[in-house]
Amino acid sequence: DRVIDAVLLVSGDRDLEEAVRVAQGVGCKVVVAHPRSASVALALRQLADATVQLDRVDLTAMLVQAAGVSTAHANVALAARSTGTS
C-alpha cells in the first residue's frame, strides 16, 4: 500500500532524476514545478509525468501555506532567491 499517489517536485536539478525514477517505480506520478525563469534539466523534464510553470504569486502562496510564514516574509525570501542574496 502506497501512502501517496503523486509527488510535486519544486526543483529542476538533474541530481533528482534517481528520486523521480524511484517514486515512479512504486507507482507515483511525478510533477516537476518550477518558476518561469528557472531552467529544468532536460533529463528531469523528460522523466516527469508532467511539468508546471509557477509564477511568483503561486510560489508565495505555497510558502505561506506550507511553511506558515507571512506573505511579506515569503516575498522577501523569493526576492533574495531571485537575486542570489539568500
N, C-alpha and C. Protein backbone atom coordinates (compact mmCIF):
# COMPACT_ATOMS: atom_id res chain seq x y z
N ASP A 1 0.82 -1.19 0.00
CA ASP A 1 0.00 0.00 0.00
C ASP A 1 0.87 1.25 0.00
N ARG A 2 0.60 2.14 -0.97
CA ARG A 2 1.30 3.43 -1.04
C ARG A 2 0.63 4.43 -0.12
N VAL A 3 1.43 5.30 0.44
CA VAL A 3 0.90 6.38 1.26
C VAL A 3 0.53 7.57 0.37
N ILE A 4 1.25 7.75 -0.73
CA ILE A 4 0.99 8.86 -1.64
C ILE A 4 0.83 8.33 -3.07
N ASP A 5 0.12 9.10 -3.88
CA ASP A 5 -0.07 8.75 -5.28
C ASP A 5 0.68 9.67 -6.23
N ALA A 6 1.00 10.88 -5.73
CA ALA A 6 1.66 11.86 -6.59
C ALA A 6 2.65 12.68 -5.78
N VAL A 7 3.69 13.14 -6.48
CA VAL A 7 4.74 13.96 -5.87
C VAL A 7 4.84 15.25 -6.67
N LEU A 8 4.84 16.37 -5.97
CA LEU A 8 5.08 17.66 -6.61
C LEU A 8 6.51 18.06 -6.27
N LEU A 9 7.38 18.00 -7.24
CA LEU A 9 8.79 18.31 -7.06
C LEU A 9 9.04 19.74 -7.51
N VAL A 10 9.39 20.60 -6.58
CA VAL A 10 9.65 22.00 -6.90
C VAL A 10 11.15 22.17 -7.04
N SER A 11 11.65 21.75 -8.17
CA SER A 11 13.09 21.79 -8.45
C SER A 11 13.29 21.44 -9.91
N GLY A 12 14.43 21.79 -10.42
CA GLY A 12 14.78 21.43 -11.78
C GLY A 12 16.14 20.76 -11.85
N ASP A 13 16.66 20.37 -10.69
CA ASP A 13 18.02 19.82 -10.62
C ASP A 13 18.10 18.40 -11.15
N ARG A 14 19.09 18.18 -11.98
CA ARG A 14 19.29 16.87 -12.58
C ARG A 14 19.61 15.80 -11.54
N ASP A 15 20.20 16.18 -10.42
CA ASP A 15 20.57 15.18 -9.42
C ASP A 15 19.35 14.53 -8.74
N LEU A 16 18.16 14.98 -9.07
CA LEU A 16 16.94 14.39 -8.52
C LEU A 16 16.32 13.33 -9.45
N GLU A 17 17.00 13.04 -10.56
CA GLU A 17 16.49 12.04 -11.51
C GLU A 17 16.23 10.70 -10.83
N GLU A 18 17.16 10.25 -10.03
CA GLU A 18 17.01 8.93 -9.38
C GLU A 18 15.80 8.91 -8.45
N ALA A 19 15.58 10.00 -7.72
CA ALA A 19 14.41 10.07 -6.84
C ALA A 19 13.12 9.99 -7.65
N VAL A 20 13.10 10.63 -8.81
CA VAL A 20 11.92 10.56 -9.68
C VAL A 20 11.71 9.13 -10.15
N ARG A 21 12.77 8.47 -10.56
CA ARG A 21 12.66 7.08 -11.01
C ARG A 21 12.14 6.17 -9.90
N VAL A 22 12.64 6.37 -8.70
CA VAL A 22 12.21 5.54 -7.56
C VAL A 22 10.72 5.77 -7.28
N ALA A 23 10.30 7.03 -7.24
CA ALA A 23 8.89 7.34 -6.99
C ALA A 23 8.00 6.73 -8.07
N GLN A 24 8.40 6.88 -9.32
CA GLN A 24 7.62 6.31 -10.41
C GLN A 24 7.63 4.79 -10.38
N GLY A 25 8.74 4.23 -9.90
CA GLY A 25 8.86 2.78 -9.81
C GLY A 25 7.88 2.14 -8.84
N VAL A 26 7.42 2.93 -7.87
CA VAL A 26 6.43 2.41 -6.92
C VAL A 26 5.02 2.91 -7.26
N GLY A 27 4.88 3.49 -8.47
CA GLY A 27 3.56 3.87 -8.95
C GLY A 27 3.13 5.30 -8.74
N CYS A 28 4.01 6.15 -8.25
CA CYS A 28 3.66 7.56 -8.05
C CYS A 28 3.82 8.35 -9.34
N LYS A 29 2.94 9.30 -9.54
CA LYS A 29 3.08 10.27 -10.62
C LYS A 29 3.95 11.40 -10.10
N VAL A 30 4.86 11.90 -10.93
CA VAL A 30 5.76 12.98 -10.52
C VAL A 30 5.53 14.20 -11.41
N VAL A 31 5.21 15.31 -10.76
CA VAL A 31 5.03 16.58 -11.46
C VAL A 31 6.17 17.50 -11.03
N VAL A 32 6.92 18.01 -12.00
CA VAL A 32 8.00 18.95 -11.73
C VAL A 32 7.45 20.36 -11.88
N ALA A 33 7.54 21.14 -10.80
CA ALA A 33 7.07 22.52 -10.81
C ALA A 33 8.28 23.44 -10.69
N HIS A 34 8.26 24.53 -11.46
CA HIS A 34 9.41 25.43 -11.46
C HIS A 34 8.97 26.84 -11.81
N PRO A 35 9.71 27.84 -11.31
CA PRO A 35 9.43 29.22 -11.72
C PRO A 35 9.66 29.38 -13.21
N ARG A 36 8.93 30.28 -13.82
CA ARG A 36 9.07 30.51 -15.27
C ARG A 36 10.51 30.84 -15.67
N SER A 37 11.21 31.54 -14.81
CA SER A 37 12.57 31.98 -15.14
C SER A 37 13.63 30.92 -14.86
N ALA A 38 13.25 29.83 -14.21
CA ALA A 38 14.24 28.81 -13.84
C ALA A 38 14.36 27.74 -14.93
N SER A 39 15.56 27.23 -15.06
CA SER A 39 15.74 26.15 -16.01
C SER A 39 15.47 24.81 -15.33
N VAL A 40 15.08 23.84 -16.13
CA VAL A 40 14.84 22.48 -15.64
C VAL A 40 15.70 21.57 -16.50
N ALA A 41 16.45 20.70 -15.84
CA ALA A 41 17.31 19.77 -16.58
C ALA A 41 16.46 18.98 -17.58
N LEU A 42 16.97 18.84 -18.80
CA LEU A 42 16.24 18.14 -19.85
C LEU A 42 15.86 16.73 -19.42
N ALA A 43 16.79 16.01 -18.81
CA ALA A 43 16.51 14.63 -18.39
C ALA A 43 15.38 14.59 -17.36
N LEU A 44 15.36 15.56 -16.45
CA LEU A 44 14.30 15.60 -15.43
C LEU A 44 12.96 15.93 -16.09
N ARG A 45 12.98 16.85 -17.03
CA ARG A 45 11.75 17.22 -17.76
C ARG A 45 11.20 16.00 -18.51
N GLN A 46 12.09 15.21 -19.11
CA GLN A 46 11.66 14.04 -19.87
C GLN A 46 11.13 12.93 -18.96
N LEU A 47 11.70 12.79 -17.77
CA LEU A 47 11.25 11.76 -16.83
C LEU A 47 9.91 12.07 -16.19
N ALA A 48 9.66 13.33 -15.91
CA ALA A 48 8.45 13.73 -15.18
C ALA A 48 7.20 13.34 -15.95
N ASP A 49 6.15 13.04 -15.20
CA ASP A 49 4.86 12.77 -15.81
C ASP A 49 4.23 14.05 -16.33
N ALA A 50 4.60 15.18 -15.73
CA ALA A 50 4.11 16.49 -16.17
C ALA A 50 5.04 17.56 -15.60
N THR A 51 5.02 18.73 -16.23
CA THR A 51 5.74 19.89 -15.69
C THR A 51 4.75 21.04 -15.59
N VAL A 52 4.97 21.90 -14.60
CA VAL A 52 4.11 23.05 -14.36
C VAL A 52 4.99 24.25 -14.10
N GLN A 53 4.71 25.35 -14.80
CA GLN A 53 5.42 26.60 -14.53
C GLN A 53 4.67 27.37 -13.45
N LEU A 54 5.41 27.86 -12.47
CA LEU A 54 4.83 28.64 -11.38
C LEU A 54 5.25 30.09 -11.50
N ASP A 55 4.36 30.99 -11.14
CA ASP A 55 4.76 32.39 -11.09
C ASP A 55 4.97 32.79 -9.63
N ARG A 56 5.37 34.01 -9.42
CA ARG A 56 5.70 34.49 -8.06
C ARG A 56 4.51 34.38 -7.11
N VAL A 57 3.31 34.64 -7.59
CA VAL A 57 2.11 34.53 -6.75
C VAL A 57 1.92 33.09 -6.27
N ASP A 58 2.10 32.13 -7.18
CA ASP A 58 1.98 30.71 -6.82
C ASP A 58 3.01 30.34 -5.75
N LEU A 59 4.26 30.75 -5.97
CA LEU A 59 5.33 30.41 -5.03
C LEU A 59 5.09 31.04 -3.66
N THR A 60 4.63 32.28 -3.65
CA THR A 60 4.34 32.95 -2.38
C THR A 60 3.24 32.20 -1.63
N ALA A 61 2.18 31.84 -2.33
CA ALA A 61 1.08 31.11 -1.69
C ALA A 61 1.55 29.78 -1.13
N MET A 62 2.42 29.08 -1.86
CA MET A 62 2.94 27.80 -1.38
C MET A 62 3.76 27.98 -0.11
N LEU A 63 4.61 29.00 -0.09
CA LEU A 63 5.42 29.25 1.11
C LEU A 63 4.55 29.62 2.30
N VAL A 64 3.55 30.43 2.07
CA VAL A 64 2.67 30.86 3.16
C VAL A 64 1.93 29.66 3.74
N GLN A 65 1.39 28.81 2.89
CA GLN A 65 0.63 27.66 3.36
C GLN A 65 1.52 26.58 3.96
N ALA A 66 2.59 26.21 3.27
CA ALA A 66 3.41 25.09 3.70
C ALA A 66 4.29 25.41 4.89
N ALA A 67 4.87 26.60 4.90
CA ALA A 67 5.82 26.93 5.96
C ALA A 67 5.21 27.80 7.05
N GLY A 68 4.00 28.26 6.83
CA GLY A 68 3.36 29.09 7.84
C GLY A 68 4.00 30.45 8.02
N VAL A 69 4.65 30.95 6.97
CA VAL A 69 5.27 32.27 7.06
C VAL A 69 4.29 33.32 6.55
N SER A 70 4.55 34.56 6.88
CA SER A 70 3.69 35.63 6.39
C SER A 70 3.97 35.88 4.91
N THR A 71 3.03 36.50 4.24
CA THR A 71 3.22 36.84 2.84
C THR A 71 4.43 37.74 2.66
N ALA A 72 4.62 38.69 3.58
CA ALA A 72 5.77 39.60 3.49
C ALA A 72 7.08 38.83 3.57
N HIS A 73 7.18 37.88 4.51
CA HIS A 73 8.40 37.08 4.63
C HIS A 73 8.62 36.20 3.40
N ALA A 74 7.56 35.66 2.86
CA ALA A 74 7.68 34.83 1.66
C ALA A 74 8.19 35.67 0.49
N ASN A 75 7.68 36.89 0.35
CA ASN A 75 8.14 37.76 -0.73
C ASN A 75 9.60 38.14 -0.58
N VAL A 76 10.05 38.37 0.66
CA VAL A 76 11.45 38.68 0.93
C VAL A 76 12.33 37.48 0.56
N ALA A 77 11.89 36.28 0.93
CA ALA A 77 12.65 35.06 0.62
C ALA A 77 12.76 34.86 -0.87
N LEU A 78 11.67 35.05 -1.59
CA LEU A 78 11.69 34.89 -3.04
C LEU A 78 12.55 35.94 -3.72
N ALA A 79 12.50 37.17 -3.22
CA ALA A 79 13.33 38.24 -3.78
C ALA A 79 14.82 37.94 -3.58
N ALA A 80 15.16 37.46 -2.40
CA ALA A 80 16.56 37.12 -2.10
C ALA A 80 17.01 35.97 -2.99
N ARG A 81 16.13 35.00 -3.21
CA ARG A 81 16.47 33.84 -4.05
C ARG A 81 16.69 34.27 -5.49
N SER A 82 15.85 35.16 -5.98
CA SER A 82 15.95 35.56 -7.39
C SER A 82 17.16 36.45 -7.65
N THR A 83 17.65 37.14 -6.61
CA THR A 83 18.82 37.99 -6.80
C THR A 83 20.10 37.33 -6.33
N GLY A 84 19.96 36.13 -5.75
CA GLY A 84 21.14 35.39 -5.28
C GLY A 84 21.70 35.92 -3.98
N THR A 85 20.89 36.59 -3.17
CA THR A 85 21.39 37.15 -1.91
C THR A 85 20.89 36.41 -0.69
N SER A 86 20.44 35.17 -0.87
CA SER A 86 19.88 34.44 0.28
C SER A 86 20.94 33.97 1.24
